[in-house]
Amino acid sequence: MKKERIKIKVTLWHDGFRADARDGKNGVAVYNCFGTTPEAAEEMARLKLKQRQDELRSM
Protein backbone atom coordinates (compact mmCIF):
# COMPACT_ATOMS: atom_id res chain seq x y z
CA MET A 1 0.00 0.00 0.00
CA LYS A 2 1.31 3.41 -0.97
CA LYS A 3 1.72 5.98 1.80
CA GLU A 4 -0.44 9.07 1.57
CA ARG A 5 1.22 12.44 1.40
CA ILE A 6 0.34 14.59 4.40
CA LYS A 7 1.15 18.29 4.69
CA ILE A 8 1.46 19.66 8.23
CA LYS A 9 1.98 23.27 9.25
CA VAL A 10 2.95 24.03 12.87
CA THR A 11 2.88 27.62 14.14
CA LEU A 12 3.64 29.32 17.45
CA TRP A 13 0.32 30.24 19.02
CA HIS A 14 0.15 32.33 22.22
CA ASP A 15 1.66 30.06 24.91
CA GLY A 16 1.77 26.86 22.81
CA PHE A 17 1.71 25.57 19.26
CA ARG A 18 -1.02 25.05 16.69
CA ALA A 19 -0.94 22.57 13.81
CA ASP A 20 -3.01 22.19 10.65
CA ALA A 21 -2.88 19.03 8.54
CA ARG A 22 -4.22 17.98 5.16
CA ASP A 23 -3.86 15.13 2.76
CA GLY A 24 -3.45 16.01 -0.87
CA LYS A 25 -5.33 13.04 -2.26
CA ASN A 26 -8.78 13.28 -0.67
CA GLY A 27 -8.91 16.94 0.25
CA VAL A 28 -9.40 16.16 3.95
CA ALA A 29 -8.08 18.79 6.37
CA VAL A 30 -8.05 19.45 10.10
CA TYR A 31 -7.28 22.75 11.78
CA ASN A 32 -6.51 24.11 15.25
CA CYS A 33 -4.74 21.11 16.77
CA PHE A 34 -3.02 22.48 19.86
CA GLY A 35 -0.06 21.23 21.88
CA THR A 36 2.52 22.52 24.34
CA THR A 37 5.37 21.49 22.01
CA PRO A 38 5.57 21.44 18.20
CA GLU A 39 5.77 17.65 18.31
CA ALA A 40 2.63 17.36 20.45
CA ALA A 41 0.68 19.67 18.13
CA GLU A 42 1.83 17.67 15.09
CA GLU A 43 0.89 14.38 16.75
CA MET A 44 -2.58 15.73 17.56
CA ALA A 45 -3.03 16.88 13.96
CA ARG A 46 -2.02 13.46 12.60
CA LEU A 47 -4.42 11.74 15.00
CA LYS A 48 -7.36 14.01 14.14
CA LEU A 49 -6.64 13.67 10.41
CA LYS A 50 -6.63 9.88 10.66
CA GLN A 51 -9.87 9.92 12.65
CA ARG A 52 -11.52 12.16 10.06
CA GLN A 53 -10.31 9.97 7.18
CA ASP A 54 -11.65 6.84 8.91
CA GLU A 55 -14.96 8.61 9.55
CA LEU A 56 -15.30 9.51 5.88
CA ARG A 57 -14.38 5.99 4.73
CA SER A 58 -17.10 4.45 6.89
CA MET A 59 -19.84 6.63 5.37
PDB file of N, CA and C in Angstrom:
ATOM      1  N   MET A   1       0.843  -1.180   0.000  1.00  0.00           N
ATOM      2  CA  MET A   1       0.000   0.000   0.000  1.00  0.00           C
ATOM      3  C   MET A   1       0.887   1.242   0.000  1.00  0.00           C
ATOM      4  N   LYS A   2       0.538   2.191  -0.841  1.00  0.00           N
ATOM      5  CA  LYS A   2       1.311   3.414  -0.969  1.00  0.00           C
ATOM      6  C   LYS A   2       0.953   4.388   0.161  1.00  0.00           C
ATOM      7  N   LYS A   3       1.971   5.007   0.731  1.00  0.00           N
ATOM      8  CA  LYS A   3       1.723   5.977   1.797  1.00  0.00           C
ATOM      9  C   LYS A   3       1.105   7.249   1.228  1.00  0.00           C
ATOM     10  N   GLU A   4       0.172   7.812   1.978  1.00  0.00           N
ATOM     11  CA  GLU A   4      -0.444   9.065   1.572  1.00  0.00           C
ATOM     12  C   GLU A   4       0.478  10.227   1.944  1.00  0.00           C
ATOM     13  N   ARG A   5       0.438  11.237   1.129  1.00  0.00           N
ATOM     14  CA  ARG A   5       1.224  12.437   1.403  1.00  0.00           C
ATOM     15  C   ARG A   5       0.413  13.352   2.312  1.00  0.00           C
ATOM     16  N   ILE A   6       1.005  13.730   3.425  1.00  0.00           N
ATOM     17  CA  ILE A   6       0.336  14.588   4.397  1.00  0.00           C
ATOM     18  C   ILE A   6       1.161  15.865   4.558  1.00  0.00           C
ATOM     19  N   LYS A   7       0.491  16.997   4.515  1.00  0.00           N
ATOM     20  CA  LYS A   7       1.148  18.287   4.694  1.00  0.00           C
ATOM     21  C   LYS A   7       0.739  18.837   6.053  1.00  0.00           C
ATOM     22  N   ILE A   8       1.730  19.161   6.880  1.00  0.00           N
ATOM     23  CA  ILE A   8       1.462  19.663   8.227  1.00  0.00           C
ATOM     24  C   ILE A   8       2.164  21.005   8.414  1.00  0.00           C
ATOM     25  N   LYS A   9       1.424  21.951   8.964  1.00  0.00           N
ATOM     26  CA  LYS A   9       1.977  23.273   9.250  1.00  0.00           C
ATOM     27  C   LYS A   9       1.835  23.529  10.747  1.00  0.00           C
ATOM     28  N   VAL A  10       2.952  23.763  11.426  1.00  0.00           N
ATOM     29  CA  VAL A  10       2.946  24.033  12.867  1.00  0.00           C
ATOM     30  C   VAL A  10       3.363  25.487  13.077  1.00  0.00           C
ATOM     31  N   THR A  11       2.577  26.222  13.862  1.00  0.00           N
ATOM     32  CA  THR A  11       2.880  27.623  14.141  1.00  0.00           C
ATOM     33  C   THR A  11       2.855  27.888  15.642  1.00  0.00           C
ATOM     34  N   LEU A  12       3.643  28.867  16.057  1.00  0.00           N
ATOM     35  CA  LEU A  12       3.640  29.320  17.453  1.00  0.00           C
ATOM     36  C   LEU A  12       2.335  30.055  17.687  1.00  0.00           C
ATOM     37  N   TRP A  13       1.638  29.679  18.768  1.00  0.00           N
ATOM     38  CA  TRP A  13       0.317  30.244  19.025  1.00  0.00           C
ATOM     39  C   TRP A  13       0.196  30.576  20.498  1.00  0.00           C
ATOM     40  N   HIS A  14       0.224  31.843  20.844  1.00  0.00           N
ATOM     41  CA  HIS A  14       0.152  32.333  22.221  1.00  0.00           C
ATOM     42  C   HIS A  14       1.169  31.600  23.110  1.00  0.00           C
ATOM     43  N   ASP A  15       0.726  30.732  24.004  1.00  0.00           N
ATOM     44  CA  ASP A  15       1.660  30.057  24.913  1.00  0.00           C
ATOM     45  C   ASP A  15       1.891  28.601  24.527  1.00  0.00           C
ATOM     46  N   GLY A  16       1.586  28.235  23.291  1.00  0.00           N
ATOM     47  CA  GLY A  16       1.774  26.857  22.815  1.00  0.00           C
ATOM     48  C   GLY A  16       1.953  26.833  21.306  1.00  0.00           C
ATOM     49  N   PHE A  17       1.567  25.737  20.698  1.00  0.00           N
ATOM     50  CA  PHE A  17       1.709  25.575  19.260  1.00  0.00           C
ATOM     51  C   PHE A  17       0.402  25.084  18.663  1.00  0.00           C
ATOM     52  N   ARG A  18       0.179  25.455  17.412  1.00  0.00           N
ATOM     53  CA  ARG A  18      -1.017  25.050  16.687  1.00  0.00           C
ATOM     54  C   ARG A  18      -0.596  24.376  15.390  1.00  0.00           C
ATOM     55  N   ALA A  19      -1.266  23.283  15.044  1.00  0.00           N
ATOM     56  CA  ALA A  19      -0.943  22.567  13.811  1.00  0.00           C
ATOM     57  C   ALA A  19      -2.191  22.404  12.953  1.00  0.00           C
ATOM     58  N   ASP A  20      -1.982  22.485  11.638  1.00  0.00           N
ATOM     59  CA  ASP A  20      -3.009  22.194  10.648  1.00  0.00           C
ATOM     60  C   ASP A  20      -2.466  21.080   9.771  1.00  0.00           C
ATOM     61  N   ALA A  21      -3.321  20.148   9.370  1.00  0.00           N
ATOM     62  CA  ALA A  21      -2.876  19.035   8.538  1.00  0.00           C
ATOM     63  C   ALA A  21      -3.874  18.792   7.424  1.00  0.00           C
ATOM     64  N   ARG A  22      -3.348  18.350   6.275  1.00  0.00           N
ATOM     65  CA  ARG A  22      -4.221  17.984   5.157  1.00  0.00           C
ATOM     66  C   ARG A  22      -3.554  16.912   4.320  1.00  0.00           C
ATOM     67  N   ASP A  23      -4.395  16.101   3.707  1.00  0.00           N
ATOM     68  CA  ASP A  23      -3.862  15.126   2.761  1.00  0.00           C
ATOM     69  C   ASP A  23      -4.187  15.638   1.364  1.00  0.00           C
ATOM     70  N   GLY A  24      -3.275  15.475   0.469  1.00  0.00           N
ATOM     71  CA  GLY A  24      -3.445  16.008  -0.873  1.00  0.00           C
ATOM     72  C   GLY A  24      -4.383  15.191  -1.729  1.00  0.00           C
ATOM     73  N   LYS A  25      -4.564  13.934  -1.403  1.00  0.00           N
ATOM     74  CA  LYS A  25      -5.330  13.036  -2.255  1.00  0.00           C
ATOM     75  C   LYS A  25      -6.837  13.235  -2.117  1.00  0.00           C
ATOM     76  N   ASN A  26      -7.338  13.253  -0.900  1.00  0.00           N
ATOM     77  CA  ASN A  26      -8.782  13.280  -0.674  1.00  0.00           C
ATOM     78  C   ASN A  26      -9.324  14.658  -0.311  1.00  0.00           C
ATOM     79  N   GLY A  27      -8.467  15.612  -0.111  1.00  0.00           N
ATOM     80  CA  GLY A  27      -8.915  16.945   0.255  1.00  0.00           C
ATOM     81  C   GLY A  27      -9.422  17.046   1.678  1.00  0.00           C
ATOM     82  N   VAL A  28      -8.991  16.136   2.554  1.00  0.00           N
ATOM     83  CA  VAL A  28      -9.397  16.157   3.954  1.00  0.00           C
ATOM     84  C   VAL A  28      -8.410  17.041   4.718  1.00  0.00           C
ATOM     85  N   ALA A  29      -8.943  17.904   5.588  1.00  0.00           N
ATOM     86  CA  ALA A  29      -8.082  18.789   6.367  1.00  0.00           C
ATOM     87  C   ALA A  29      -8.608  18.934   7.783  1.00  0.00           C
ATOM     88  N   VAL A  30      -7.691  19.142   8.720  1.00  0.00           N
ATOM     89  CA  VAL A  30      -8.051  19.450  10.104  1.00  0.00           C
ATOM     90  C   VAL A  30      -7.263  20.681  10.526  1.00  0.00           C
ATOM     91  N   TYR A  31      -7.879  21.494  11.361  1.00  0.00           N
ATOM     92  CA  TYR A  31      -7.280  22.750  11.784  1.00  0.00           C
ATOM     93  C   TYR A  31      -7.331  22.862  13.300  1.00  0.00           C
ATOM     94  N   ASN A  32      -6.502  23.757  13.824  1.00  0.00           N
ATOM     95  CA  ASN A  32      -6.513  24.105  15.248  1.00  0.00           C
ATOM     96  C   ASN A  32      -6.265  22.916  16.157  1.00  0.00           C
ATOM     97  N   CYS A  33      -5.173  22.208  15.911  1.00  0.00           N
ATOM     98  CA  CYS A  33      -4.742  21.109  16.774  1.00  0.00           C
ATOM     99  C   CYS A  33      -3.642  21.665  17.669  1.00  0.00           C
ATOM    100  N   PHE A  34      -3.924  21.794  18.957  1.00  0.00           N
ATOM    101  CA  PHE A  34      -3.021  22.482  19.863  1.00  0.00           C
ATOM    102  C   PHE A  34      -2.160  21.515  20.669  1.00  0.00           C
ATOM    103  N   GLY A  35      -0.965  21.994  21.042  1.00  0.00           N
ATOM    104  CA  GLY A  35      -0.057  21.233  21.882  1.00  0.00           C
ATOM    105  C   GLY A  35       0.924  22.166  22.564  1.00  0.00           C
ATOM    106  N   THR A  36       1.560  21.695  23.621  1.00  0.00           N
ATOM    107  CA  THR A  36       2.520  22.523  24.342  1.00  0.00           C
ATOM    108  C   THR A  36       3.888  22.525  23.671  1.00  0.00           C
ATOM    109  N   THR A  37       4.134  21.543  22.794  1.00  0.00           N
ATOM    110  CA  THR A  37       5.368  21.492  22.011  1.00  0.00           C
ATOM    111  C   THR A  37       4.979  21.322  20.540  1.00  0.00           C
ATOM    112  N   PRO A  38       5.886  21.650  19.618  1.00  0.00           N
ATOM    113  CA  PRO A  38       5.567  21.442  18.201  1.00  0.00           C
ATOM    114  C   PRO A  38       5.259  19.980  17.888  1.00  0.00           C
ATOM    115  N   GLU A  39       5.976  19.075  18.542  1.00  0.00           N
ATOM    116  CA  GLU A  39       5.769  17.648  18.313  1.00  0.00           C
ATOM    117  C   GLU A  39       4.375  17.203  18.784  1.00  0.00           C
ATOM    118  N   ALA A  40       3.949  17.729  19.921  1.00  0.00           N
ATOM    119  CA  ALA A  40       2.628  17.365  20.448  1.00  0.00           C
ATOM    120  C   ALA A  40       1.516  17.894  19.544  1.00  0.00           C
ATOM    121  N   ALA A  41       1.675  19.106  19.038  1.00  0.00           N
ATOM    122  CA  ALA A  41       0.679  19.674  18.132  1.00  0.00           C
ATOM    123  C   ALA A  41       0.624  18.869  16.831  1.00  0.00           C
ATOM    124  N   GLU A  42       1.787  18.477  16.314  1.00  0.00           N
ATOM    125  CA  GLU A  42       1.833  17.670  15.088  1.00  0.00           C
ATOM    126  C   GLU A  42       1.187  16.305  15.308  1.00  0.00           C
ATOM    127  N   GLU A  43       1.480  15.684  16.440  1.00  0.00           N
ATOM    128  CA  GLU A  43       0.894  14.380  16.754  1.00  0.00           C
ATOM    129  C   GLU A  43      -0.636  14.471  16.838  1.00  0.00           C
ATOM    130  N   MET A  44      -1.133  15.531  17.457  1.00  0.00           N
ATOM    131  CA  MET A  44      -2.578  15.734  17.564  1.00  0.00           C
ATOM    132  C   MET A  44      -3.192  15.922  16.180  1.00  0.00           C
ATOM    133  N   ALA A  45      -2.519  16.667  15.309  1.00  0.00           N
ATOM    134  CA  ALA A  45      -3.026  16.883  13.957  1.00  0.00           C
ATOM    135  C   ALA A  45      -3.073  15.580  13.168  1.00  0.00           C
ATOM    136  N   ARG A  46      -2.029  14.763  13.292  1.00  0.00           N
ATOM    137  CA  ARG A  46      -2.016  13.465  12.597  1.00  0.00           C
ATOM    138  C   ARG A  46      -3.146  12.563  13.103  1.00  0.00           C
ATOM    139  N   LEU A  47      -3.366  12.560  14.415  1.00  0.00           N
ATOM    140  CA  LEU A  47      -4.419  11.738  14.999  1.00  0.00           C
ATOM    141  C   LEU A  47      -5.799  12.189  14.515  1.00  0.00           C
ATOM    142  N   LYS A  48      -6.060  13.492  14.565  1.00  0.00           N
ATOM    143  CA  LYS A  48      -7.358  14.007  14.140  1.00  0.00           C
ATOM    144  C   LYS A  48      -7.581  13.781  12.645  1.00  0.00           C
ATOM    145  N   LEU A  49      -6.511  13.904  11.842  1.00  0.00           N
ATOM    146  CA  LEU A  49      -6.641  13.672  10.412  1.00  0.00           C
ATOM    147  C   LEU A  49      -6.991  12.213  10.142  1.00  0.00           C
ATOM    148  N   LYS A  50      -6.328  11.306  10.832  1.00  0.00           N
ATOM    149  CA  LYS A  50      -6.627   9.881  10.656  1.00  0.00           C
ATOM    150  C   LYS A  50      -8.065   9.568  11.074  1.00  0.00           C
ATOM    151  N   GLN A  51      -8.501  10.138  12.197  1.00  0.00           N
ATOM    152  CA  GLN A  51      -9.870   9.919  12.651  1.00  0.00           C
ATOM    153  C   GLN A  51     -10.878  10.432  11.627  1.00  0.00           C
ATOM    154  N   ARG A  52     -10.611  11.585  11.056  1.00  0.00           N
ATOM    155  CA  ARG A  52     -11.516  12.165  10.058  1.00  0.00           C
ATOM    156  C   ARG A  52     -11.543  11.316   8.791  1.00  0.00           C
ATOM    157  N   GLN A  53     -10.375  10.833   8.352  1.00  0.00           N
ATOM    158  CA  GLN A  53     -10.307   9.968   7.180  1.00  0.00           C
ATOM    159  C   GLN A  53     -11.093   8.678   7.411  1.00  0.00           C
ATOM    160  N   ASP A  54     -10.923   8.076   8.582  1.00  0.00           N
ATOM    161  CA  ASP A  54     -11.652   6.845   8.914  1.00  0.00           C
ATOM    162  C   ASP A  54     -13.152   7.093   8.953  1.00  0.00           C
ATOM    163  N   GLU A  55     -13.547   8.239   9.479  1.00  0.00           N
ATOM    164  CA  GLU A  55     -14.960   8.608   9.551  1.00  0.00           C
ATOM    165  C   GLU A  55     -15.549   8.731   8.144  1.00  0.00           C
ATOM    166  N   LEU A  56     -14.814   9.345   7.241  1.00  0.00           N
ATOM    167  CA  LEU A  56     -15.302   9.514   5.878  1.00  0.00           C
ATOM    168  C   LEU A  56     -15.337   8.192   5.107  1.00  0.00           C
ATOM    169  N   ARG A  57     -14.401   7.298   5.402  1.00  0.00           N
ATOM    170  CA  ARG A  57     -14.381   5.992   4.730  1.00  0.00           C
ATOM    171  C   ARG A  57     -15.564   5.127   5.145  1.00  0.00           C
ATOM    172  N   SER A  58     -16.010   5.283   6.386  1.00  0.00           N
ATOM    173  CA  SER A  58     -17.101   4.446   6.891  1.00  0.00           C
ATOM    174  C   SER A  58     -18.478   4.938   6.446  1.00  0.00           C
ATOM    175  N   MET A  59     -18.544   6.079   5.829  1.00  0.00           N
ATOM    176  CA  MET A  59     -19.843   6.625   5.373  1.00  0.00           C
ATOM    177  C   MET A  59     -20.341   5.893   4.160  1.00  0.00           C
TER     178      MET A  59
END
